[in-house]
PDB file of N, CA and C in Angstrom:
ATOM      1  N   MET A   1      15.672 142.413  36.833  1.00  0.00           N
ATOM      2  CA  MET A   1      17.227 142.750  36.669  1.00  0.00           C
ATOM      3  C   MET A   1      17.516 143.789  35.708  1.00  0.00           C
ATOM      4  N   ASN A   2      18.453 144.224  35.833  1.00  0.00           N
ATOM      5  CA  ASN A   2      19.171 145.366  34.820  1.00  0.00           C
ATOM      6  C   ASN A   2      19.529 144.597  33.552  1.00  0.00           C
ATOM      7  N   ASP A   3      18.884 145.021  32.449  1.00  0.00           N
ATOM      8  CA  ASP A   3      19.375 144.773  30.890  1.00  0.00           C
ATOM      9  C   ASP A   3      20.857 144.581  30.782  1.00  0.00           C
ATOM     10  N   SER A   4      21.813 145.085  31.229  1.00  0.00           N
ATOM     11  CA  SER A   4      23.063 145.345  31.138  1.00  0.00           C
ATOM     12  C   SER A   4      23.447 144.069  32.062  1.00  0.00           C
ATOM     13  N   ILE A   5      23.010 143.960  33.416  1.00  0.00           N
ATOM     14  CA  ILE A   5      23.636 142.525  33.713  1.00  0.00           C
ATOM     15  C   ILE A   5      23.155 141.266  32.775  1.00  0.00           C
ATOM     16  N   VAL A   6      21.786 141.441  32.722  1.00  0.00           N
ATOM     17  CA  VAL A   6      21.571 140.147  31.864  1.00  0.00           C
ATOM     18  C   VAL A   6      22.297 140.017  30.651  1.00  0.00           C
ATOM     19  N   THR A   7      22.662 140.950  30.091  1.00  0.00           N
ATOM     20  CA  THR A   7      23.270 140.892  28.862  1.00  0.00           C
ATOM     21  C   THR A   7      24.883 140.151  29.039  1.00  0.00           C
ATOM     22  N   ASP A   8      25.445 140.785  30.335  1.00  0.00           N
ATOM     23  CA  ASP A   8      26.681 140.288  30.602  1.00  0.00           C
ATOM     24  C   ASP A   8      26.670 138.866  30.737  1.00  0.00           C
ATOM     25  N   ILE A   9      25.493 138.302  31.531  1.00  0.00           N
ATOM     26  CA  ILE A   9      25.519 136.709  31.822  1.00  0.00           C
ATOM     27  C   ILE A   9      25.429 135.920  30.828  1.00  0.00           C
ATOM     28  N   GLU A  10      24.488 136.557  29.918  1.00  0.00           N
ATOM     29  CA  GLU A  10      24.459 135.749  28.740  1.00  0.00           C
ATOM     30  C   GLU A  10      25.857 135.776  27.769  1.00  0.00           C
ATOM     31  N   ALA A  11      26.467 136.688  27.925  1.00  0.00           N
ATOM     32  CA  ALA A  11      27.933 136.874  27.089  1.00  0.00           C
ATOM     33  C   ALA A  11      28.693 135.659  27.876  1.00  0.00           C
ATOM     34  N   GLU A  12      28.742 135.891  29.317  1.00  0.00           N
ATOM     35  CA  GLU A  12      29.579 135.023  29.963  1.00  0.00           C
ATOM     36  C   GLU A  12      29.218 133.568  29.699  1.00  0.00           C
ATOM     37  N   LEU A  13      28.046 133.312  29.617  1.00  0.00           N
ATOM     38  CA  LEU A  13      27.682 131.813  29.491  1.00  0.00           C
ATOM     39  C   LEU A  13      28.020 131.379  28.083  1.00  0.00           C
ATOM     40  N   ALA A  14      27.786 132.221  27.126  1.00  0.00           N
ATOM     41  CA  ALA A  14      28.239 131.842  25.779  1.00  0.00           C
ATOM     42  C   ALA A  14      29.700 131.799  25.746  1.00  0.00           C
ATOM     43  N   ASP A  15      30.633 132.322  26.160  1.00  0.00           N
ATOM     44  CA  ASP A  15      32.023 132.158  26.299  1.00  0.00           C
ATOM     45  C   ASP A  15      32.430 130.781  27.026  1.00  0.00           C
ATOM     46  N   LEU A  16      31.754 130.531  28.044  1.00  0.00           N
ATOM     47  CA  LEU A  16      31.957 129.342  28.720  1.00  0.00           C
ATOM     48  C   LEU A  16      31.384 128.261  28.027  1.00  0.00           C
ATOM     49  N   SER A  17      30.409 128.293  27.062  1.00  0.00           N
ATOM     50  CA  SER A  17      29.898 127.178  26.234  1.00  0.00           C
ATOM     51  C   SER A  17      30.863 126.881  25.360  1.00  0.00           C
ATOM     52  N   ARG A  18      31.623 127.896  24.667  1.00  0.00           N
ATOM     53  CA  ARG A  18      32.321 127.766  23.638  1.00  0.00           C
ATOM     54  C   ARG A  18      33.624 127.177  24.418  1.00  0.00           C
ATOM     55  N   ALA A  19      34.068 127.427  25.464  1.00  0.00           N
ATOM     56  CA  ALA A  19      35.230 127.246  25.912  1.00  0.00           C
ATOM     57  C   ALA A  19      35.371 125.290  26.379  1.00  0.00           C
ATOM     58  N   LEU A  20      33.914 125.310  26.949  1.00  0.00           N
ATOM     59  CA  LEU A  20      33.801 123.760  27.480  1.00  0.00           C
ATOM     60  C   LEU A  20      33.764 122.708  25.866  1.00  0.00           C
ATOM     61  N   THR A  21      33.175 123.464  25.049  1.00  0.00           N
ATOM     62  CA  THR A  21      32.862 122.488  23.810  1.00  0.00           C
ATOM     63  C   THR A  21      33.947 122.635  22.646  1.00  0.00           C
ATOM     64  N   GLU A  22      34.845 123.579  22.691  1.00  0.00           N
ATOM     65  CA  GLU A  22      35.567 124.063  21.295  1.00  0.00           C
ATOM     66  C   GLU A  22      36.365 122.623  21.083  1.00  0.00           C
ATOM     67  N   PRO A  23      36.777 122.240  19.852  1.00  0.00           N
ATOM     68  CA  PRO A  23      37.799 121.196  19.938  1.00  0.00           C
ATOM     69  C   PRO A  23      39.235 121.760  19.713  1.00  0.00           C
ATOM     70  N   GLY A  24      40.200 120.877  20.321  1.00  0.00           N
ATOM     71  CA  GLY A  24      41.412 121.448  20.352  1.00  0.00           C
ATOM     72  C   GLY A  24      42.073 121.634  18.988  1.00  0.00           C
ATOM     73  N   GLU A  25      43.017 122.566  18.956  1.00  0.00           N
ATOM     74  CA  GLU A  25      43.704 122.845  17.570  1.00  0.00           C
ATOM     75  C   GLU A  25      43.735 121.706  16.496  1.00  0.00           C
ATOM     76  N   ARG A  26      44.506 120.519  17.164  1.00  0.00           N
ATOM     77  CA  ARG A  26      45.033 119.484  16.340  1.00  0.00           C
ATOM     78  C   ARG A  26      44.195 118.211  16.859  1.00  0.00           C
ATOM     79  N   GLU A  27      42.973 118.430  17.517  1.00  0.00           N
ATOM     80  CA  GLU A  27      42.281 117.475  18.299  1.00  0.00           C
ATOM     81  C   GLU A  27      41.591 116.516  17.270  1.00  0.00           C
ATOM     82  N   CYS A  28      41.730 115.345  16.994  1.00  0.00           N
ATOM     83  CA  CYS A  28      40.963 114.434  16.094  1.00  0.00           C
ATOM     84  C   CYS A  28      39.500 114.488  16.625  1.00  0.00           C
ATOM     85  N   LEU A  29      38.855 113.824  15.247  1.00  0.00           N
ATOM     86  CA  LEU A  29      37.511 113.803  15.528  1.00  0.00           C
ATOM     87  C   LEU A  29      37.185 112.884  16.389  1.00  0.00           C
ATOM     88  N   ARG A  30      37.690 111.724  16.451  1.00  0.00           N
ATOM     89  CA  ARG A  30      37.434 110.404  17.286  1.00  0.00           C
ATOM     90  C   ARG A  30      37.747 111.137  18.793  1.00  0.00           C
ATOM     91  N   CYS A  31      38.806 111.808  19.113  1.00  0.00           N
ATOM     92  CA  CYS A  31      38.868 111.995  20.635  1.00  0.00           C
ATOM     93  C   CYS A  31      37.959 113.068  21.008  1.00  0.00           C
ATOM     94  N   TYR A  32      37.910 114.077  19.906  1.00  0.00           N
ATOM     95  CA  TYR A  32      36.823 114.957  20.258  1.00  0.00           C
ATOM     96  C   TYR A  32      35.368 114.603  20.690  1.00  0.00           C
ATOM     97  N   VAL A  33      34.912 113.342  19.810  1.00  0.00           N
ATOM     98  CA  VAL A  33      33.610 113.140  19.849  1.00  0.00           C
ATOM     99  C   VAL A  33      33.552 112.192  21.045  1.00  0.00           C
ATOM    100  N   LEU A  34      34.561 111.635  21.561  1.00  0.00           N
ATOM    101  CA  LEU A  34      34.639 110.924  22.758  1.00  0.00           C
ATOM    102  C   LEU A  34      34.847 111.783  24.103  1.00  0.00           C
ATOM    103  N   ARG A  35      35.231 112.940  23.621  1.00  0.00           N
ATOM    104  CA  ARG A  35      35.265 113.852  24.967  1.00  0.00           C
ATOM    105  C   ARG A  35      33.950 114.478  25.242  1.00  0.00           C
ATOM    106  N   MET A  36      33.236 114.818  24.300  1.00  0.00           N
ATOM    107  CA  MET A  36      31.975 115.420  24.266  1.00  0.00           C
ATOM    108  C   MET A  36      31.024 114.493  24.852  1.00  0.00           C
ATOM    109  N   LEU A  37      31.094 113.124  24.233  1.00  0.00           N
ATOM    110  CA  LEU A  37      30.064 112.201  24.749  1.00  0.00           C
ATOM    111  C   LEU A  37      30.287 111.744  26.184  1.00  0.00           C
ATOM    112  N   HIS A  38      31.651 111.984  26.553  1.00  0.00           N
ATOM    113  CA  HIS A  38      32.079 111.856  28.096  1.00  0.00           C
ATOM    114  C   HIS A  38      31.443 112.820  29.080  1.00  0.00           C
ATOM    115  N   GLU A  39      31.316 113.911  28.462  1.00  0.00           N
ATOM    116  CA  GLU A  39      30.732 115.485  29.179  1.00  0.00           C
ATOM    117  C   GLU A  39      29.484 115.237  29.102  1.00  0.00           C
ATOM    118  N   PHE A  40      28.672 115.580  27.903  1.00  0.00           N
ATOM    119  CA  PHE A  40      27.496 115.664  27.779  1.00  0.00           C
ATOM    120  C   PHE A  40      26.410 114.586  27.208  1.00  0.00           C
ATOM    121  N   GLY A  41      27.217 113.286  26.913  1.00  0.00           N
ATOM    122  CA  GLY A  41      26.325 112.292  26.223  1.00  0.00           C
ATOM    123  C   GLY A  41      26.018 112.452  24.905  1.00  0.00           C
ATOM    124  N   CYS A  42      25.214 111.516  24.085  1.00  0.00           N
ATOM    125  CA  CYS A  42      24.745 111.641  22.989  1.00  0.00           C
ATOM    126  C   CYS A  42      23.091 112.210  22.801  1.00  0.00           C
ATOM    127  N   ASP A  43      22.855 112.508  22.177  1.00  0.00           N
ATOM    128  CA  ASP A  43      21.393 113.147  21.668  1.00  0.00           C
ATOM    129  C   ASP A  43      20.650 112.542  20.463  1.00  0.00           C
ATOM    130  N   GLY A  44      21.276 111.551  20.224  1.00  0.00           N
ATOM    131  CA  GLY A  44      21.082 110.793  18.945  1.00  0.00           C
ATOM    132  C   GLY A  44      21.188 111.315  17.656  1.00  0.00           C
ATOM    133  N   THR A  45      21.944 112.253  17.560  1.00  0.00           N
ATOM    134  CA  THR A  45      22.355 112.906  16.242  1.00  0.00           C
ATOM    135  C   THR A  45      23.856 112.986  16.147  1.00  0.00           C
ATOM    136  N   LEU A  46      24.565 113.343  15.120  1.00  0.00           N
ATOM    137  CA  LEU A  46      25.758 113.972  15.285  1.00  0.00           C
ATOM    138  C   LEU A  46      26.311 115.228  15.399  1.00  0.00           C
ATOM    139  N   ARG A  47      25.651 115.673  16.500  1.00  0.00           N
ATOM    140  CA  ARG A  47      25.733 116.824  17.023  1.00  0.00           C
ATOM    141  C   ARG A  47      27.349 117.544  17.308  1.00  0.00           C
ATOM    142  N   TRP A  48      28.008 116.268  17.963  1.00  0.00           N
ATOM    143  CA  TRP A  48      29.524 116.823  18.185  1.00  0.00           C
ATOM    144  C   TRP A  48      30.246 116.517  16.627  1.00  0.00           C
ATOM    145  N   ALA A  49      30.172 115.516  16.232  1.00  0.00           N
ATOM    146  CA  ALA A  49      30.808 115.501  14.907  1.00  0.00           C
ATOM    147  C   ALA A  49      30.560 116.595  13.821  1.00  0.00           C
ATOM    148  N   LYS A  50      29.584 117.258  14.184  1.00  0.00           N
ATOM    149  CA  LYS A  50      29.205 118.160  12.833  1.00  0.00           C
ATOM    150  C   LYS A  50      29.697 119.435  13.444  1.00  0.00           C
ATOM    151  N   TYR A  51      29.816 119.701  14.816  1.00  0.00           N
ATOM    152  CA  TYR A  51      30.192 120.870  15.512  1.00  0.00           C
ATOM    153  C   TYR A  51      31.870 120.994  15.080  1.00  0.00           C
ATOM    154  N   TRP A  52      32.433 119.602  15.333  1.00  0.00           N
ATOM    155  CA  TRP A  52      33.865 119.513  15.172  1.00  0.00           C
ATOM    156  C   TRP A  52      34.225 119.892  13.351  1.00  0.00           C
ATOM    157  N   ARG A  53      33.313 119.243  12.771  1.00  0.00           N
ATOM    158  CA  ARG A  53      33.406 119.569  11.167  1.00  0.00           C
ATOM    159  C   ARG A  53      33.292 121.087  10.941  1.00  0.00           C
ATOM    160  N   ASP A  54      32.458 121.754  11.772  1.00  0.00           N
ATOM    161  CA  ASP A  54      32.165 122.966  11.122  1.00  0.00           C
ATOM    162  C   ASP A  54      33.364 124.017  11.667  1.00  0.00           C
ATOM    163  N   LEU A  55      33.974 123.551  12.629  1.00  0.00           N
ATOM    164  CA  LEU A  55      35.086 124.476  13.174  1.00  0.00           C
ATOM    165  C   LEU A  55      36.486 124.047  12.560  1.00  0.00           C
ATOM    166  N   ARG A  56      36.545 122.687  12.455  1.00  0.00           N
ATOM    167  CA  ARG A  56      38.015 122.342  12.159  1.00  0.00           C
ATOM    168  C   ARG A  56      38.058 121.683  10.750  1.00  0.00           C
ATOM    169  N   ALA A  57      36.984 121.218   9.963  1.00  0.00           N
ATOM    170  CA  ALA A  57      37.384 120.816   8.662  1.00  0.00           C
ATOM    171  C   ALA A  57      36.036 121.505   7.995  1.00  0.00           C
ATOM    172  N   PRO A  58      35.919 122.818   7.705  1.00  0.00           N
ATOM    173  CA  PRO A  58      34.240 122.992   7.099  1.00  0.00           C
ATOM    174  C   PRO A  58      34.335 122.527   5.591  1.00  0.00           C
ATOM    175  N   ARG A  59      35.600 122.288   4.854  1.00  0.00           N
ATOM    176  CA  ARG A  59      34.867 121.854   3.663  1.00  0.00           C
ATOM    177  C   ARG A  59      34.710 120.166   3.490  1.00  0.00           C
ATOM    178  N   ALA A  60      34.643 119.587   4.753  1.00  0.00           N
ATOM    179  CA  ALA A  60      34.497 118.179   4.562  1.00  0.00           C
ATOM    180  C   ALA A  60      32.924 118.029   4.748  1.00  0.00           C
ATOM    181  N   GLN A  61      32.051 118.687   4.027  1.00  0.00           N
ATOM    182  CA  GLN A  61      30.783 118.750   3.691  1.00  0.00           C
ATOM    183  C   GLN A  61      30.156 117.062   3.700  1.00  0.00           C
ATOM    184  N   ALA A  62      30.638 116.192   3.291  1.00  0.00           N
ATOM    185  CA  ALA A  62      30.096 114.775   2.905  1.00  0.00           C
ATOM    186  C   ALA A  62      30.589 114.009   4.254  1.00  0.00           C
ATOM    187  N   LEU A  63      31.176 114.726   5.403  1.00  0.00           N
ATOM    188  CA  LEU A  63      31.566 113.729   6.560  1.00  0.00           C
ATOM    189  C   LEU A  63      30.285 113.018   7.311  1.00  0.00           C
ATOM    190  N   ALA A  64      29.133 113.753   7.513  1.00  0.00           N
ATOM    191  CA  ALA A  64      27.932 112.885   7.682  1.00  0.00           C
ATOM    192  C   ALA A  64      27.675 111.740   7.105  1.00  0.00           C
ATOM    193  N   ARG A  65      27.650 111.916   5.949  1.00  0.00           N
ATOM    194  CA  ARG A  65      27.478 110.950   4.734  1.00  0.00           C
ATOM    195  C   ARG A  65      28.463 109.661   5.138  1.00  0.00           C
ATOM    196  N   LYS A  66      29.516 110.077   5.055  1.00  0.00           N
ATOM    197  CA  LYS A  66      30.349 109.172   5.290  1.00  0.00           C
ATOM    198  C   LYS A  66      30.746 108.241   6.495  1.00  0.00           C
ATOM    199  N   LEU A  67      30.292 109.072   7.641  1.00  0.00           N
ATOM    200  CA  LEU A  67      30.146 108.449   8.889  1.00  0.00           C
ATOM    201  C   LEU A  67      29.112 107.462   8.940  1.00  0.00           C
ATOM    202  N   ALA A  68      27.771 108.037   8.479  1.00  0.00           N
ATOM    203  CA  ALA A  68      26.592 107.161   8.383  1.00  0.00           C
ATOM    204  C   ALA A  68      27.054 106.028   7.674  1.00  0.00           C
ATOM    205  N   TYR A  69      27.626 105.866   6.086  1.00  0.00           N
ATOM    206  CA  TYR A  69      28.017 104.829   5.437  1.00  0.00           C
ATOM    207  C   TYR A  69      28.459 103.772   6.633  1.00  0.00           C
ATOM    208  N   ARG A  70      29.608 104.192   7.201  1.00  0.00           N
ATOM    209  CA  ARG A  70      30.196 103.236   8.132  1.00  0.00           C
ATOM    210  C   ARG A  70      29.589 102.795   9.523  1.00  0.00           C
ATOM    211  N   GLY A  71      28.220 103.348   9.625  1.00  0.00           N
ATOM    212  CA  GLY A  71      27.592 102.975  10.604  1.00  0.00           C
ATOM    213  C   GLY A  71      27.519 103.914  11.874  1.00  0.00           C
ATOM    214  N   GLY A  72      27.659 105.423  11.511  1.00  0.00           N
ATOM    215  CA  GLY A  72      27.694 106.398  12.440  1.00  0.00           C
ATOM    216  C   GLY A  72      26.854 107.188  12.120  1.00  0.00           C
ATOM    217  N   HIS A  73      25.669 106.950  12.807  1.00  0.00           N
ATOM    218  CA  HIS A  73      24.505 107.617  12.498  1.00  0.00           C
ATOM    219  C   HIS A  73      24.278 108.762  13.451  1.00  0.00           C
ATOM    220  N   CYS A  74      24.772 108.450  14.813  1.00  0.00           N
ATOM    221  CA  CYS A  74      24.808 109.333  15.946  1.00  0.00           C
ATOM    222  C   CYS A  74      26.178 109.331  16.381  1.00  0.00           C
ATOM    223  N   ASP A  75      26.403 110.298  17.464  1.00  0.00           N
ATOM    224  CA  ASP A  75      27.848 110.542  17.883  1.00  0.00           C
ATOM    225  C   ASP A  75      28.290 109.003  18.699  1.00  0.00           C
ATOM    226  N   CYS A  76      27.350 108.492  19.290  1.00  0.00           N
ATOM    227  CA  CYS A  76      27.975 107.510  20.107  1.00  0.00           C
ATOM    228  C   CYS A  76      28.493 106.243  19.105  1.00  0.00           C
ATOM    229  N   GLU A  77      27.600 105.926  17.912  1.00  0.00           N
ATOM    230  CA  GLU A  77      27.875 105.149  16.682  1.00  0.00           C
ATOM    231  C   GLU A  77      29.206 105.256  16.197  1.00  0.00           C
ATOM    232  N   VAL A  78      29.364 106.758  16.264  1.00  0.00           N
ATOM    233  CA  VAL A  78      30.947 107.245  15.293  1.00  0.00           C
ATOM    234  C   VAL A  78      31.935 106.409  16.268  1.00  0.00           C
ATOM    235  N   ILE A  79      31.664 106.591  17.448  1.00  0.00           N
ATOM    236  CA  ILE A  79      32.774 105.911  18.414  1.00  0.00           C
ATOM    237  C   ILE A  79      32.777 104.240  18.415  1.00  0.00           C
ATOM    238  N   PHE A  80      31.645 103.575  18.635  1.00  0.00           N
ATOM    239  CA  PHE A  80      31.477 102.318  18.474  1.00  0.00           C
ATOM    240  C   PHE A  80      31.563 101.697  17.093  1.00  0.00           C
ATOM    241  N   ASN A  81      30.999 102.283  16.180  1.00  0.00           N
ATOM    242  CA  ASN A  81      31.325 101.573  14.921  1.00  0.00           C
ATOM    243  C   ASN A  81      32.332 102.228  13.837  1.00  0.00           C
ATOM    244  N   VAL A  82      32.649 103.743  13.901  1.00  0.00           N
ATOM    245  CA  VAL A  82      33.411 104.136  12.972  1.00  0.00           C
ATOM    246  C   VAL A  82      34.894 104.141  13.537  1.00  0.00           C
ATOM    247  N   TYR A  83      35.047 104.335  14.712  1.00  0.00           N
ATOM    248  CA  TYR A  83      36.369 104.679  15.215  1.00  0.00           C
ATOM    249  C   TYR A  83      36.423 103.797  16.575  1.00  0.00           C
ATOM    250  N   PRO A  84      36.214 102.461  16.479  1.00  0.00           N
ATOM    251  CA  PRO A  84      36.122 101.431  17.590  1.00  0.00           C
ATOM    252  C   PRO A  84      37.170 101.083  18.312  1.00  0.00           C
ATOM    253  N   ARG A  85      38.701 101.201  17.763  1.00  0.00           N
ATOM    254  CA  ARG A  85      39.727 101.051  18.326  1.00  0.00           C
ATOM    255  C   ARG A  85      40.368 102.216  19.339  1.00  0.00           C
ATOM    256  N   TYR A  86      40.256 101.915  20.718  1.00  0.00           N
ATOM    257  CA  TYR A  86      40.828 103.094  21.669  1.00  0.00           C
ATOM    258  C   TYR A  86      41.664 102.179  22.621  1.00  0.00           C
ATOM    259  N   PRO A  87      42.495 102.701  23.142  1.00  0.00           N
ATOM    260  CA  PRO A  87      43.229 102.044  24.466  1.00  0.00           C
ATOM    261  C   PRO A  87      42.221 101.625  25.355  1.00  0.00           C
ATOM    262  N   GLN A  88      42.378 100.333  26.144  1.00  0.00           N
ATOM    263  CA  GLN A  88      41.774  99.843  27.070  1.00  0.00           C
ATOM    264  C   GLN A  88      41.844 100.496  28.383  1.00  0.00           C
ATOM    265  N   THR A  89      41.492 101.551  28.875  1.00  0.00           N
ATOM    266  CA  THR A  89      41.945 102.431  30.096  1.00  0.00           C
ATOM    267  C   THR A  89      40.157 102.988  30.518  1.00  0.00           C
ATOM    268  N   THR A  90      40.224 103.297  31.607  1.00  0.00           N
ATOM    269  CA  THR A  90      39.213 103.674  32.537  1.00  0.00           C
ATOM    270  C   THR A  90      39.097 105.381  32.444  1.00  0.00           C
ATOM    271  N   LYS A  91      39.970 105.986  31.637  1.00  0.00           N
ATOM    272  CA  LYS A  91      40.016 107.322  31.705  1.00  0.00           C
ATOM    273  C   LYS A  91      40.425 107.871  30.017  1.00  0.00           C
ATOM    274  N   LEU A  92      40.052 109.000  30.027  1.00  0.00           N
ATOM    275  CA  LEU A  92      40.116 109.749  28.537  1.00  0.00           C
ATOM    276  C   LEU A  92      41.580 109.924  28.630  1.00  0.00           C
ATOM    277  N   GLN A  93      42.142 109.589  27.360  1.00  0.00           N
ATOM    278  CA  GLN A  93      43.468 109.780  26.843  1.00  0.00           C
ATOM    279  C   GLN A  93      43.467 111.091  26.085  1.00  0.00           C
ATOM    280  N   PRO A  94      44.745 112.014  26.618  1.00  0.00           N
ATOM    281  CA  PRO A  94      45.041 113.144  25.644  1.00  0.00           C
ATOM    282  C   PRO A  94      45.289 112.771  24.293  1.00  0.00           C
ATOM    283  N   CYS A  95      44.507 113.476  23.243  1.00  0.00           N
ATOM    284  CA  CYS A  95      44.507 113.364  21.696  1.00  0.00           C
ATOM    285  C   CYS A  95      46.082 113.221  21.520  1.00  0.00           C
ATOM    286  N   ALA A  96      46.483 112.491  20.588  1.00  0.00           N
ATOM    287  CA  ALA A  96      48.023 112.473  20.098  1.00  0.00           C
ATOM    288  C   ALA A  96      47.903 113.458  18.945  1.00  0.00           C
ATOM    289  N   GLY A  97      46.845 114.049  18.522  1.00  0.00           N
ATOM    290  CA  GLY A  97      46.848 115.109  17.522  1.00  0.00           C
ATOM    291  C   GLY A  97      46.986 114.721  16.188  1.00  0.00           C
ATOM    292  N   VAL A  98      46.496 115.334  15.144  1.00  0.00           N
ATOM    293  CA  VAL A  98      46.361 115.012  13.718  1.00  0.00           C
ATOM    294  C   VAL A  98      47.645 115.706  13.220  1.00  0.00           C
ATOM    295  N   SER A  99      48.104 115.390  12.104  1.00  0.00           N
ATOM    296  CA  SER A  99      49.070 115.839  11.291  1.00  0.00           C
ATOM    297  C   SER A  99      48.651 117.283  10.603  1.00  0.00           C
ATOM    298  N   ARG A 100      47.547 117.502  10.332  1.00  0.00           N
ATOM    299  CA  ARG A 100      46.980 118.690   9.574  1.00  0.00           C
ATOM    300  C   ARG A 100      45.588 118.828  10.104  1.00  0.00           C
ATOM    301  N   ARG A 101      45.405 120.444  10.294  1.00  0.00           N
ATOM    302  CA  ARG A 101      43.935 120.607  10.666  1.00  0.00           C
ATOM    303  C   ARG A 101      43.005 120.336   9.672  1.00  0.00           C
ATOM    304  N   GLY A 102      41.994 119.789  10.149  1.00  0.00           N
ATOM    305  CA  GLY A 102      41.028 119.421   9.296  1.00  0.00           C
ATOM    306  C   GLY A 102      40.978 117.798   9.140  1.00  0.00           C
ATOM    307  N   CYS A 103      42.183 116.980   9.091  1.00  0.00           N
ATOM    308  CA  CYS A 103      42.174 115.815   8.960  1.00  0.00           C
ATOM    309  C   CYS A 103      40.995 114.916   9.882  1.00  0.00           C
ATOM    310  N   THR A 104      40.139 114.324   8.972  1.00  0.00           N
ATOM    311  CA  THR A 104      39.335 113.160   9.542  1.00  0.00           C
ATOM    312  C   THR A 104      39.586 111.987  10.194  1.00  0.00           C
ATOM    313  N   LYS A 105      40.895 111.668   9.828  1.00  0.00           N
ATOM    314  CA  LYS A 105      41.235 110.354  10.258  1.00  0.00           C
ATOM    315  C   LYS A 105      41.589 110.575  12.002  1.00  0.00           C
ATOM    316  N   PRO A 106      41.481 109.372  12.672  1.00  0.00           N
ATOM    317  CA  PRO A 106      41.728 109.462  13.904  1.00  0.00           C
ATOM    318  C   PRO A 106      43.291 109.560  14.210  1.00  0.00           C
ATOM    319  N   CYS A 107      43.635 110.170  15.346  1.00  0.00           N
ATOM    320  CA  CYS A 107      44.895 110.007  15.695  1.00  0.00           C
ATOM    321  C   CYS A 107      45.818 109.055  15.921  1.00  0.00           C
ATOM    322  N   ALA A 108      46.913 108.836  16.404  1.00  0.00           N
ATOM    323  CA  ALA A 108      47.743 107.525  16.523  1.00  0.00           C
ATOM    324  C   ALA A 108      47.425 107.178  17.936  1.00  0.00           C
ATOM    325  N   LEU A 109      46.693 107.482  18.357  1.00  0.00           N
ATOM    326  CA  LEU A 109      46.322 106.767  19.967  1.00  0.00           C
ATOM    327  C   LEU A 109      45.564 105.799  19.858  1.00  0.00           C
ATOM    328  N   GLY A 110      46.253 104.710  20.411  1.00  0.00           N
ATOM    329  CA  GLY A 110      45.709 103.200  20.469  1.00  0.00           C
ATOM    330  C   GLY A 110      46.330 102.234  19.618  1.00  0.00           C
ATOM    331  N   PRO A 111      45.818 101.178  19.611  1.00  0.00           N
ATOM    332  CA  PRO A 111      45.990 100.021  18.787  1.00  0.00           C
ATOM    333  C   PRO A 111      46.225 100.261  17.214  1.00  0.00           C
ATOM    334  N   PRO A 112      46.894  99.764  16.742  1.00  0.00           N
ATOM    335  CA  PRO A 112      46.852  99.994  15.127  1.00  0.00           C
ATOM    336  C   PRO A 112      45.816  99.301  14.259  1.00  0.00           C
TER     337      PRO A 112
END
């Protein structure tokens, strides 16, 4: 295969990966992690929570420790233990958004 074609394909795959996994501009951590778990599952780590933090709240370096303290040692535990309130539905709901970029509190979607 031509090196140029390989390079182009690799670049296209990287762009596609970013497009599929990038958090929305005001998407809250809970909705983002839930969306990623729905699409890609949990690998037993805080892969999605840390990715969200790195892109949307890079100054929140204690986020993983705070999630673990509340029972969120991996992404699925973040949903079950840290952010358990979510509307009873069979489909993911669109995120209601956070008031400011980088806010780690969940959006207003769901019961109080």
